[in-house]
Amino acid sequence: MSLKLGPIKKEKEVKLSCRIVESLEQDLKSYAEAYQDIYGTSVEKEELVPLILQQFLDSDRKFKNWRKEQKKNAAVRTAEA
């Protein structure tokens, strides 16, 4: 069995602060417990948030298409300049 979120890779970080509702905090704690049970490695709930956000962005096709179009438009504007 594996989770949608695979093993964690360490990358350069920037600080981002936000507030979440208590029920989401409980879900993150539970996910961290499941992660430890499945992968045998403990993880803090704070480590999960950016990874889950990245997973969400990576799976959003409309966002990916929009981003691709933005890059294409920027390249055209650069070429025209």
N, C-alpha and C. Protein backbone atom coordinates (compact mmCIF):
# COMPACT_ATOMS: atom_id res chain seq x y z
N MET A 1 0.84 -1.18 0.00
CA MET A 1 0.00 0.00 0.00
C MET A 1 0.88 1.24 0.00
N SER A 2 0.49 2.26 -0.74
CA SER A 2 1.23 3.51 -0.72
C SER A 2 0.25 4.68 -0.71
N LEU A 3 0.72 5.81 -0.24
CA LEU A 3 -0.10 7.01 -0.22
C LEU A 3 0.08 7.76 -1.53
N LYS A 4 -0.83 8.66 -1.82
CA LYS A 4 -0.69 9.50 -3.02
C LYS A 4 0.59 10.30 -2.93
N LEU A 5 0.94 10.71 -1.73
CA LEU A 5 2.17 11.44 -1.49
C LEU A 5 3.28 10.42 -1.26
N GLY A 6 4.25 10.38 -2.14
CA GLY A 6 5.33 9.42 -2.04
C GLY A 6 6.38 9.84 -1.03
N PRO A 7 7.51 9.14 -1.02
CA PRO A 7 8.60 9.50 -0.10
C PRO A 7 9.03 10.96 -0.30
N ILE A 8 9.40 11.60 0.78
CA ILE A 8 9.73 13.02 0.78
C ILE A 8 11.17 13.25 0.32
N LYS A 9 11.33 14.21 -0.60
CA LYS A 9 12.66 14.65 -1.04
C LYS A 9 12.91 16.04 -0.44
N LYS A 10 14.11 16.27 0.02
CA LYS A 10 14.44 17.58 0.58
C LYS A 10 14.82 18.54 -0.53
N GLU A 11 14.28 19.75 -0.49
CA GLU A 11 14.58 20.79 -1.46
C GLU A 11 14.79 22.11 -0.72
N LYS A 12 15.30 23.11 -1.44
CA LYS A 12 15.47 24.44 -0.85
C LYS A 12 14.10 24.97 -0.44
N GLU A 13 14.03 25.60 0.71
CA GLU A 13 12.76 26.05 1.25
C GLU A 13 12.69 27.56 1.38
N VAL A 14 11.47 28.10 1.31
CA VAL A 14 11.18 29.49 1.64
C VAL A 14 10.07 29.45 2.68
N LYS A 15 10.00 30.46 3.52
CA LYS A 15 9.02 30.47 4.61
C LYS A 15 7.68 31.02 4.11
N LEU A 16 6.61 30.32 4.47
CA LEU A 16 5.25 30.74 4.18
C LEU A 16 4.41 30.43 5.41
N SER A 17 3.70 31.42 5.90
CA SER A 17 2.85 31.22 7.08
C SER A 17 1.39 31.28 6.67
N CYS A 18 0.57 30.44 7.29
CA CYS A 18 -0.87 30.48 7.04
C CYS A 18 -1.59 29.91 8.25
N ARG A 19 -2.88 30.11 8.27
CA ARG A 19 -3.73 29.55 9.32
C ARG A 19 -4.63 28.49 8.69
N ILE A 20 -4.89 27.44 9.45
CA ILE A 20 -5.79 26.38 8.98
C ILE A 20 -6.81 26.07 10.06
N VAL A 21 -7.91 25.46 9.66
CA VAL A 21 -8.94 25.09 10.63
C VAL A 21 -8.50 23.85 11.40
N GLU A 22 -9.05 23.67 12.59
CA GLU A 22 -8.64 22.56 13.45
C GLU A 22 -8.85 21.20 12.80
N SER A 23 -9.94 21.05 12.06
CA SER A 23 -10.20 19.75 11.43
C SER A 23 -9.12 19.41 10.41
N LEU A 24 -8.60 20.41 9.71
CA LEU A 24 -7.51 20.16 8.76
C LEU A 24 -6.23 19.78 9.50
N GLU A 25 -5.99 20.42 10.64
CA GLU A 25 -4.82 20.05 11.44
C GLU A 25 -4.92 18.58 11.87
N GLN A 26 -6.09 18.16 12.29
CA GLN A 26 -6.27 16.77 12.69
C GLN A 26 -6.04 15.82 11.51
N ASP A 27 -6.53 16.22 10.34
CA ASP A 27 -6.30 15.40 9.14
C ASP A 27 -4.82 15.30 8.82
N LEU A 28 -4.09 16.40 8.97
CA LEU A 28 -2.65 16.38 8.72
C LEU A 28 -1.92 15.48 9.72
N LYS A 29 -2.35 15.54 10.97
CA LYS A 29 -1.76 14.65 11.98
C LYS A 29 -2.02 13.19 11.62
N SER A 30 -3.24 12.89 11.21
CA SER A 30 -3.58 11.52 10.82
C SER A 30 -2.78 11.09 9.59
N TYR A 31 -2.62 11.98 8.65
CA TYR A 31 -1.85 11.65 7.44
C TYR A 31 -0.41 11.37 7.82
N ALA A 32 0.14 12.16 8.74
CA ALA A 32 1.52 11.94 9.20
C ALA A 32 1.65 10.56 9.86
N GLU A 33 0.64 10.17 10.62
CA GLU A 33 0.64 8.83 11.23
C GLU A 33 0.59 7.74 10.16
N ALA A 34 -0.27 7.92 9.17
CA ALA A 34 -0.37 6.95 8.07
C ALA A 34 0.96 6.88 7.32
N TYR A 35 1.57 8.03 7.10
CA TYR A 35 2.85 8.09 6.39
C TYR A 35 3.90 7.26 7.14
N GLN A 36 3.94 7.44 8.46
CA GLN A 36 4.90 6.70 9.27
C GLN A 36 4.60 5.20 9.23
N ASP A 37 3.35 4.82 9.33
CA ASP A 37 2.98 3.41 9.28
C ASP A 37 3.36 2.77 7.94
N ILE A 38 3.15 3.49 6.87
CA ILE A 38 3.37 2.93 5.53
C ILE A 38 4.83 2.98 5.12
N TYR A 39 5.51 4.10 5.36
CA TYR A 39 6.89 4.27 4.88
C TYR A 39 7.95 4.04 5.96
N GLY A 40 7.52 3.94 7.22
CA GLY A 40 8.47 3.68 8.30
C GLY A 40 9.33 4.87 8.68
N THR A 41 8.94 6.05 8.23
CA THR A 41 9.68 7.28 8.51
C THR A 41 8.71 8.29 9.11
N SER A 42 9.11 8.90 10.22
CA SER A 42 8.22 9.91 10.81
C SER A 42 8.35 11.21 10.02
N VAL A 43 7.25 11.93 9.98
CA VAL A 43 7.19 13.22 9.28
C VAL A 43 6.31 14.15 10.09
N GLU A 44 6.71 15.39 10.18
CA GLU A 44 5.90 16.39 10.89
C GLU A 44 4.81 16.90 9.95
N LYS A 45 3.68 17.28 10.53
CA LYS A 45 2.56 17.75 9.70
C LYS A 45 2.95 18.98 8.88
N GLU A 46 3.85 19.81 9.41
CA GLU A 46 4.28 21.00 8.69
C GLU A 46 5.06 20.64 7.42
N GLU A 47 5.72 19.50 7.43
CA GLU A 47 6.45 19.05 6.24
C GLU A 47 5.49 18.58 5.15
N LEU A 48 4.32 18.13 5.54
CA LEU A 48 3.37 17.60 4.58
C LEU A 48 2.70 18.68 3.75
N VAL A 49 2.45 19.84 4.34
CA VAL A 49 1.66 20.88 3.67
C VAL A 49 2.23 21.27 2.30
N PRO A 50 3.52 21.64 2.20
CA PRO A 50 4.01 22.02 0.87
C PRO A 50 3.99 20.86 -0.13
N LEU A 51 4.19 19.65 0.35
CA LEU A 51 4.18 18.50 -0.55
C LEU A 51 2.78 18.22 -1.07
N ILE A 52 1.80 18.35 -0.20
CA ILE A 52 0.41 18.15 -0.61
C ILE A 52 -0.01 19.26 -1.57
N LEU A 53 0.40 20.48 -1.30
CA LEU A 53 0.10 21.59 -2.21
C LEU A 53 0.73 21.35 -3.59
N GLN A 54 1.97 20.89 -3.60
CA GLN A 54 2.64 20.61 -4.87
C GLN A 54 1.92 19.51 -5.63
N GLN A 55 1.51 18.47 -4.91
CA GLN A 55 0.76 17.36 -5.53
C GLN A 55 -0.53 17.89 -6.15
N PHE A 56 -1.19 18.79 -5.45
CA PHE A 56 -2.43 19.37 -5.96
C PHE A 56 -2.16 20.17 -7.22
N LEU A 57 -1.15 21.04 -7.20
CA LEU A 57 -0.84 21.86 -8.37
C LEU A 57 -0.43 20.99 -9.56
N ASP A 58 0.35 19.96 -9.29
CA ASP A 58 0.81 19.07 -10.36
C ASP A 58 -0.34 18.30 -11.01
N SER A 59 -1.43 18.10 -10.28
CA SER A 59 -2.55 17.32 -10.80
C SER A 59 -3.64 18.20 -11.42
N ASP A 60 -3.48 19.51 -11.36
CA ASP A 60 -4.50 20.42 -11.90
C ASP A 60 -4.20 20.71 -13.37
N ARG A 61 -4.90 20.03 -14.27
CA ARG A 61 -4.63 20.16 -15.71
C ARG A 61 -4.88 21.56 -16.23
N LYS A 62 -5.96 22.19 -15.78
CA LYS A 62 -6.24 23.54 -16.27
C LYS A 62 -5.14 24.51 -15.86
N PHE A 63 -4.65 24.37 -14.65
CA PHE A 63 -3.54 25.22 -14.20
C PHE A 63 -2.31 24.97 -15.05
N LYS A 64 -2.00 23.70 -15.32
CA LYS A 64 -0.82 23.37 -16.12
C LYS A 64 -0.96 23.94 -17.53
N ASN A 65 -2.15 23.85 -18.12
CA ASN A 65 -2.38 24.42 -19.44
C ASN A 65 -2.25 25.93 -19.42
N TRP A 66 -2.81 26.56 -18.41
CA TRP A 66 -2.71 28.02 -18.27
C TRP A 66 -1.25 28.44 -18.18
N ARG A 67 -0.49 27.75 -17.34
CA ARG A 67 0.92 28.08 -17.14
C ARG A 67 1.71 27.91 -18.45
N LYS A 68 1.42 26.84 -19.16
CA LYS A 68 2.08 26.58 -20.44
C LYS A 68 1.78 27.72 -21.43
N GLU A 69 0.52 28.14 -21.46
CA GLU A 69 0.11 29.24 -22.35
C GLU A 69 0.80 30.55 -21.95
N GLN A 70 0.92 30.79 -20.66
CA GLN A 70 1.60 32.01 -20.19
C GLN A 70 3.06 32.02 -20.63
N LYS A 71 3.73 30.89 -20.51
CA LYS A 71 5.12 30.80 -20.93
C LYS A 71 5.25 31.01 -22.43
N LYS A 72 4.31 30.44 -23.18
CA LYS A 72 4.33 30.59 -24.64
C LYS A 72 4.12 32.06 -25.01
N ASN A 73 3.17 32.72 -24.36
CA ASN A 73 2.91 34.15 -24.63
C ASN A 73 4.11 35.01 -24.26
N ALA A 74 4.77 34.67 -23.17
CA ALA A 74 5.96 35.44 -22.76
C ALA A 74 7.07 35.28 -23.79
N ALA A 75 7.23 34.08 -24.33
CA ALA A 75 8.26 33.85 -25.34
C ALA A 75 7.95 34.64 -26.60
N VAL A 76 6.69 34.72 -26.99
CA VAL A 76 6.29 35.49 -28.17
C VAL A 76 6.56 36.98 -27.94
N ARG A 77 6.21 37.47 -26.76
CA ARG A 77 6.45 38.89 -26.45
C ARG A 77 7.94 39.20 -26.47
N THR A 78 8.75 38.30 -25.95
CA THR A 78 10.21 38.48 -25.93
C THR A 78 10.74 38.50 -27.36
N ALA A 79 10.26 37.60 -28.21
CA ALA A 79 10.71 37.53 -29.58
C ALA A 79 10.31 38.77 -30.37
N GLU A 80 9.16 39.36 -30.03
CA GLU A 80 8.69 40.55 -30.73
C GLU A 80 9.42 41.81 -30.28
N ALA A 81 10.04 41.78 -29.13
CA ALA A 81 10.69 42.98 -28.58
C ALA A 81 12.02 43.26 -29.23
